[in-house]
C-alpha atoms as a PDB file:
ATOM      1  CA  MET A   1      77.365  49.518-131.224  1.00  0.00           C
ATOM      2  CA  SER A   2      77.198  45.877-130.971  1.00  0.00           C
ATOM      3  CA  HIS A   3      77.676  43.756-134.002  1.00  0.00           C
ATOM      4  CA  ALA A   4      75.971  40.145-134.359  1.00  0.00           C
ATOM      5  CA  PRO A   5      78.542  37.472-134.537  1.00  0.00           C
ATOM      6  CA  VAL A   6      79.538  36.097-138.286  1.00  0.00           C
ATOM      7  CA  VAL A   7      78.034  32.788-138.846  1.00  0.00           C
ATOM      8  CA  THR A   8      79.935  30.548-141.211  1.00  0.00           C
ATOM      9  CA  PRO A   9      78.073  27.953-143.094  1.00  0.00           C
ATOM     10  CA  VAL A  10      79.623  24.416-142.749  1.00  0.00           C
ATOM     11  CA  VAL A  11      79.867  22.125-145.310  1.00  0.00           C
ATOM     12  CA  VAL A  12      80.223  18.235-144.581  1.00  0.00           C
ATOM     13  CA  THR A  13      81.183  15.072-146.922  1.00  0.00           C
ATOM     14  CA  ALA A  14      79.660  11.904-145.526  1.00  0.00           C
ATOM     15  CA  VAL A  15      80.931   8.852-147.816  1.00  0.00           C
ATOM     16  CA  PHE A  16      79.344   5.217-147.283  1.00  0.00           C
ATOM     17  CA  ARG A  17      80.590   2.311-148.672  1.00  0.00           C
ATOM     18  CA  PRO A  18      78.018  -0.412-148.946  1.00  0.00           C
ATOM     19  CA  LEU A  19      78.651  -4.057-148.574  1.00  0.00           C
ATOM     20  CA  PRO A  20      78.645  -6.187-152.082  1.00  0.00           C
ATOM     21  CA  GLY A  21      75.131  -6.392-152.969  1.00  0.00           C
ATOM     22  CA  ARG A  22      73.632  -4.185-150.374  1.00  0.00           C
ATOM     23  CA  ARG A  23      74.010  -0.754-152.419  1.00  0.00           C
ATOM     24  CA  GLU A  24      70.528  -0.156-153.312  1.00  0.00           C
ATOM     25  CA  ASP A  25      69.393  -1.110-149.734  1.00  0.00           C
ATOM     26  CA  ALA A  26      71.776   1.474-148.881  1.00  0.00           C
ATOM     27  CA  ARG A  27      70.559   4.248-150.773  1.00  0.00           C
ATOM     28  CA  ALA A  28      66.935   3.376-150.040  1.00  0.00           C
ATOM     29  CA  ALA A  29      67.791   3.646-146.553  1.00  0.00           C
ATOM     30  CA  ILE A  30      69.650   7.325-147.103  1.00  0.00           C
ATOM     31  CA  GLU A  31      67.199   8.553-149.395  1.00  0.00           C
ATOM     32  CA  GLY A  32      64.426   7.416-146.784  1.00  0.00           C
ATOM     33  CA  ALA A  33      66.284  10.197-144.535  1.00  0.00           C
ATOM     34  CA  LEU A  34      66.194  12.888-146.581  1.00  0.00           C
ATOM     35  CA  PRO A  35      63.054  14.701-146.192  1.00  0.00           C
ATOM     36  CA  GLY A  36      63.434  14.645-142.470  1.00  0.00           C
ATOM     37  CA  VAL A  37      66.677  16.240-142.623  1.00  0.00           C
ATOM     38  CA  HIS A  38      65.938  18.825-145.062  1.00  0.00           C
ATOM     39  CA  ALA A  39      63.271  20.250-142.715  1.00  0.00           C
ATOM     40  CA  GLU A  40      65.688  20.526-140.109  1.00  0.00           C
ATOM     41  CA  GLU A  41      66.460  23.998-138.912  1.00  0.00           C
ATOM     42  CA  GLY A  42      69.714  25.349-140.542  1.00  0.00           C
ATOM     43  CA  CYS A  43      69.904  22.675-143.541  1.00  0.00           C
ATOM     44  CA  LEU A  44      70.758  24.467-146.566  1.00  0.00           C
ATOM     45  CA  LEU A  45      71.835  21.529-148.549  1.00  0.00           C
ATOM     46  CA  TYR A  46      71.651  17.728-148.112  1.00  0.00           C
ATOM     47  CA  ALA A  47      72.279  15.529-151.139  1.00  0.00           C
ATOM     48  CA  LEU A  48      73.116  11.914-151.998  1.00  0.00           C
ATOM     49  CA  HIS A  49      75.207  11.541-154.962  1.00  0.00           C
ATOM     50  CA  ASP A  50      76.318   8.446-156.658  1.00  0.00           C
ATOM     51  CA  ALA A  51      80.341   8.082-157.015  1.00  0.00           C
ATOM     52  CA  ALA A  52      81.855   6.013-159.953  1.00  0.00           C
ATOM     53  CA  ASP A  53      83.449   3.794-157.530  1.00  0.00           C
ATOM     54  CA  GLY A  54      80.251   2.383-155.743  1.00  0.00           C
ATOM     55  CA  THR A  55      80.080   4.501-152.936  1.00  0.00           C
ATOM     56  CA  LEU A  56      77.383   6.935-151.898  1.00  0.00           C
ATOM     57  CA  VAL A  57      78.308  10.563-150.704  1.00  0.00           C
ATOM     58  CA  LEU A  58      76.101  12.888-148.944  1.00  0.00           C
ATOM     59  CA  LEU A  59      76.783  16.585-149.617  1.00  0.00           C
ATOM     60  CA  GLU A  60      75.791  18.710-146.657  1.00  0.00           C
ATOM     61  CA  LYS A  61      75.819  22.226-145.995  1.00  0.00           C
ATOM     62  CA  TRP A  62      74.478  24.022-142.545  1.00  0.00           C
ATOM     63  CA  GLU A  63      74.004  27.611-141.424  1.00  0.00           C
ATOM     64  CA  SER A  64      76.398  27.241-138.758  1.00  0.00           C
ATOM     65  CA  GLN A  65      78.414  24.498-136.781  1.00  0.00           C
ATOM     66  CA  GLU A  66      76.218  24.815-133.720  1.00  0.00           C
ATOM     67  CA  LEU A  67      72.955  23.592-136.142  1.00  0.00           C
ATOM     68  CA  LEU A  68      75.224  21.212-137.646  1.00  0.00           C
ATOM     69  CA  ASP A  69      75.875  19.544-134.062  1.00  0.00           C
ATOM     70  CA  ALA A  70      72.171  19.876-133.358  1.00  0.00           C
ATOM     71  CA  HIS A  71      71.628  17.862-136.472  1.00  0.00           C
ATOM     72  CA  SER A  72      74.387  15.421-135.688  1.00  0.00           C
ATOM     73  CA  ALA A  73      72.598  14.582-132.198  1.00  0.00           C
ATOM     74  CA  GLY A  74      69.226  14.519-133.482  1.00  0.00           C
ATOM     75  CA  GLU A  75      66.637  11.578-134.051  1.00  0.00           C
ATOM     76  CA  ALA A  76      67.230  12.020-138.120  1.00  0.00           C
ATOM     77  CA  VAL A  77      70.688  10.735-137.558  1.00  0.00           C
ATOM     78  CA  GLU A  78      70.094   8.169-135.121  1.00  0.00           C
ATOM     79  CA  ARG A  79      67.337   6.832-137.612  1.00  0.00           C
ATOM     80  CA  LEU A  80      69.715   7.019-140.316  1.00  0.00           C
ATOM     81  CA  GLY A  81      72.079   4.822-138.240  1.00  0.00           C
ATOM     82  CA  ARG A  82      69.409   2.273-137.521  1.00  0.00           C
ATOM     83  CA  ALA A  83      68.253   2.006-141.373  1.00  0.00           C
ATOM     84  CA  ILE A  84      71.959   1.710-142.879  1.00  0.00           C
ATOM     85  CA  ASP A  85      73.168  -0.755-139.729  1.00  0.00           C
ATOM     86  CA  GLY A  86      74.394  -3.801-141.433  1.00  0.00           C
ATOM     87  CA  LEU A  87      74.562  -2.648-145.118  1.00  0.00           C
ATOM     88  CA  LEU A  88      77.966  -0.811-144.935  1.00  0.00           C
ATOM     89  CA  ALA A  89      81.516  -2.359-144.973  1.00  0.00           C
ATOM     90  CA  GLU A  90      82.528   0.491-142.799  1.00  0.00           C
ATOM     91  CA  PRO A  91      81.359   3.574-140.684  1.00  0.00           C
ATOM     92  CA  PRO A  92      80.775   6.391-142.961  1.00  0.00           C
ATOM     93  CA  ALA A  93      83.605   8.735-143.534  1.00  0.00           C
ATOM     94  CA  VAL A  94      82.463  12.094-142.416  1.00  0.00           C
ATOM     95  CA  VAL A  95      84.790  15.339-143.096  1.00  0.00           C
ATOM     96  CA  THR A  96      83.196  18.597-141.795  1.00  0.00           C
ATOM     97  CA  MET A  97      84.727  21.794-143.542  1.00  0.00           C
ATOM     98  CA  THR A  98      84.483  25.685-143.649  1.00  0.00           C
ATOM     99  CA  ALA A  99      84.895  27.267-147.247  1.00  0.00           C
ATOM    100  CA  LEU A 100      88.034  29.072-148.065  1.00  0.00           C
ATOM    101  CA  PRO A 101      86.120  31.298-150.852  1.00  0.00           C
ATOM    102  CA  ALA A 102      88.613  32.569-153.891  1.00  0.00           C
ATOM    103  CA  GLY A 103      87.940  33.481-157.428  1.00  0.00           C
ATOM    104  CA  ASP A 104      84.401  34.146-158.217  1.00  0.00           C
ATOM    105  CA  PRO A 105      82.609  34.808-155.272  1.00  0.00           C
ATOM    106  CA  ASP A 106      79.463  32.688-156.774  1.00  0.00           C
ATOM    107  CA  LYS A 107      81.633  29.866-157.669  1.00  0.00           C
ATOM    108  CA  GLY A 108      84.587  29.908-155.292  1.00  0.00           C
ATOM    109  CA  ARG A 109      82.431  28.275-152.401  1.00  0.00           C
ATOM    110  CA  LEU A 110      79.494  25.985-151.765  1.00  0.00           C
END
């Protein structure tokens, strides 16, 4: 009997540090990318958040590493890169993670 491979969702944080005076422009650029990314295969979550230190943080969840890789090499990311060009103090800090579920199964992972 053959079993389908187990696909593990992937969570990503992308932290954007806007240049002084460019925060709202950076926010608008990132928000402009949301509908296109939301329509991509495998996108479970792609949500922009405001951090207290003035950074903008995207929280992402993808069905699999393969679908995240397709997103990362896709047109939406390329468009976002062009849109934020010149608005950030440094390149976005991106961290890719897999869950280590613990405790309540509904609260112990994204």
